[in-house]
Amino acid sequence: MTLTTPGCPMIESLAQGVQWALLGIAGGAAAAGELVWDPPSQPSMMTAIGRAAIGVR
């Protein structure tokens, strides 16, 4: 998972949400997401629906 900025105030909340989602898919088995900074986040990585939701083309 790549966030928009290392100073994002939502890091903990997003990481926990990813963890819960992965655990749901894995059926309770051990699962973990990975936070990475390369490649850097950019609007082109978002779906068209995501870009439209925040007003980015």
C-alpha atoms as a PDB file:
ATOM      1  CA  MET A   1       0.000   0.000   0.000  1.00  0.00           C
ATOM      2  CA  THR A   2       1.355   3.412  -0.950  1.00  0.00           C
ATOM      3  CA  LEU A   3      -0.002   6.511   0.759  1.00  0.00           C
ATOM      4  CA  THR A   4       0.046  10.028  -0.619  1.00  0.00           C
ATOM      5  CA  THR A   5       2.556  11.296   1.953  1.00  0.00           C
ATOM      6  CA  PRO A   6       4.694   9.828   4.772  1.00  0.00           C
ATOM      7  CA  GLY A   7       3.069  12.340   7.136  1.00  0.00           C
ATOM      8  CA  CYS A   8      -0.457  11.102   6.397  1.00  0.00           C
ATOM      9  CA  PRO A   9      -2.484  11.267   9.613  1.00  0.00           C
ATOM     10  CA  MET A  10      -4.487   8.217   8.499  1.00  0.00           C
ATOM     11  CA  ILE A  11      -1.566   5.762   8.360  1.00  0.00           C
ATOM     12  CA  GLU A  12      -2.623   3.755  11.430  1.00  0.00           C
ATOM     13  CA  SER A  13      -6.308   3.700  10.508  1.00  0.00           C
ATOM     14  CA  LEU A  14      -5.646   2.665   6.905  1.00  0.00           C
ATOM     15  CA  ALA A  15      -3.164  -0.027   7.927  1.00  0.00           C
ATOM     16  CA  GLN A  16      -5.676  -1.455  10.404  1.00  0.00           C
ATOM     17  CA  GLY A  17      -8.427  -1.435   7.756  1.00  0.00           C
ATOM     18  CA  VAL A  18      -6.186  -3.303   5.318  1.00  0.00           C
ATOM     19  CA  GLN A  19      -5.289  -5.818   8.038  1.00  0.00           C
ATOM     20  CA  TRP A  20      -8.961  -6.494   8.823  1.00  0.00           C
ATOM     21  CA  ALA A  21      -9.815  -6.831   5.122  1.00  0.00           C
ATOM     22  CA  LEU A  22      -6.964  -9.284   4.540  1.00  0.00           C
ATOM     23  CA  LEU A  23      -7.936 -11.336   7.577  1.00  0.00           C
ATOM     24  CA  GLY A  24     -11.485 -11.543   6.218  1.00  0.00           C
ATOM     25  CA  ILE A  25     -10.229 -12.840   2.872  1.00  0.00           C
ATOM     26  CA  ALA A  26      -7.747 -15.228   4.467  1.00  0.00           C
ATOM     27  CA  GLY A  27     -10.464 -16.718   6.691  1.00  0.00           C
ATOM     28  CA  GLY A  28      -8.692 -15.852   9.920  1.00  0.00           C
ATOM     29  CA  ALA A  29      -5.223 -16.968   8.842  1.00  0.00           C
ATOM     30  CA  ALA A  30      -2.287 -14.666   9.490  1.00  0.00           C
ATOM     31  CA  ALA A  31      -2.232 -11.815   7.005  1.00  0.00           C
ATOM     32  CA  ALA A  32      -0.506  -8.446   6.782  1.00  0.00           C
ATOM     33  CA  GLY A  33      -0.266  -5.565   4.347  1.00  0.00           C
ATOM     34  CA  GLU A  34       2.949  -3.768   3.523  1.00  0.00           C
ATOM     35  CA  LEU A  35       3.399   0.004   3.502  1.00  0.00           C
ATOM     36  CA  VAL A  36       5.786   1.135   0.755  1.00  0.00           C
ATOM     37  CA  TRP A  37       6.913   4.531  -0.549  1.00  0.00           C
ATOM     38  CA  ASP A  38       8.233   3.424  -3.934  1.00  0.00           C
ATOM     39  CA  PRO A  39       6.676   3.968  -6.371  1.00  0.00           C
ATOM     40  CA  PRO A  40       5.404   7.299  -5.068  1.00  0.00           C
ATOM     41  CA  SER A  41       1.655   7.775  -5.035  1.00  0.00           C
ATOM     42  CA  GLN A  42       0.145   9.609  -7.992  1.00  0.00           C
ATOM     43  CA  PRO A  43      -3.402  10.122  -9.303  1.00  0.00           C
ATOM     44  CA  SER A  44      -2.825   7.763 -12.240  1.00  0.00           C
ATOM     45  CA  MET A  45      -2.672   4.891  -9.717  1.00  0.00           C
ATOM     46  CA  MET A  46      -6.302   5.523  -8.734  1.00  0.00           C
ATOM     47  CA  THR A  47      -9.329   4.118 -10.505  1.00  0.00           C
ATOM     48  CA  ALA A  48     -11.390   6.497 -12.636  1.00  0.00           C
ATOM     49  CA  ILE A  49     -14.096   6.381  -9.938  1.00  0.00           C
ATOM     50  CA  GLY A  50     -11.561   7.344  -7.240  1.00  0.00           C
ATOM     51  CA  ARG A  51     -10.190  10.228  -9.295  1.00  0.00           C
ATOM     52  CA  ALA A  52     -13.721  11.487 -10.016  1.00  0.00           C
ATOM     53  CA  ALA A  53     -14.579  11.316  -6.309  1.00  0.00           C
ATOM     54  CA  ILE A  54     -11.801  13.787  -5.476  1.00  0.00           C
ATOM     55  CA  GLY A  55     -12.132  15.867  -8.620  1.00  0.00           C
ATOM     56  CA  VAL A  56      -8.930  14.725 -10.383  1.00  0.00           C
ATOM     57  CA  ARG A  57      -8.872  13.695 -14.044  1.00  0.00           C
END
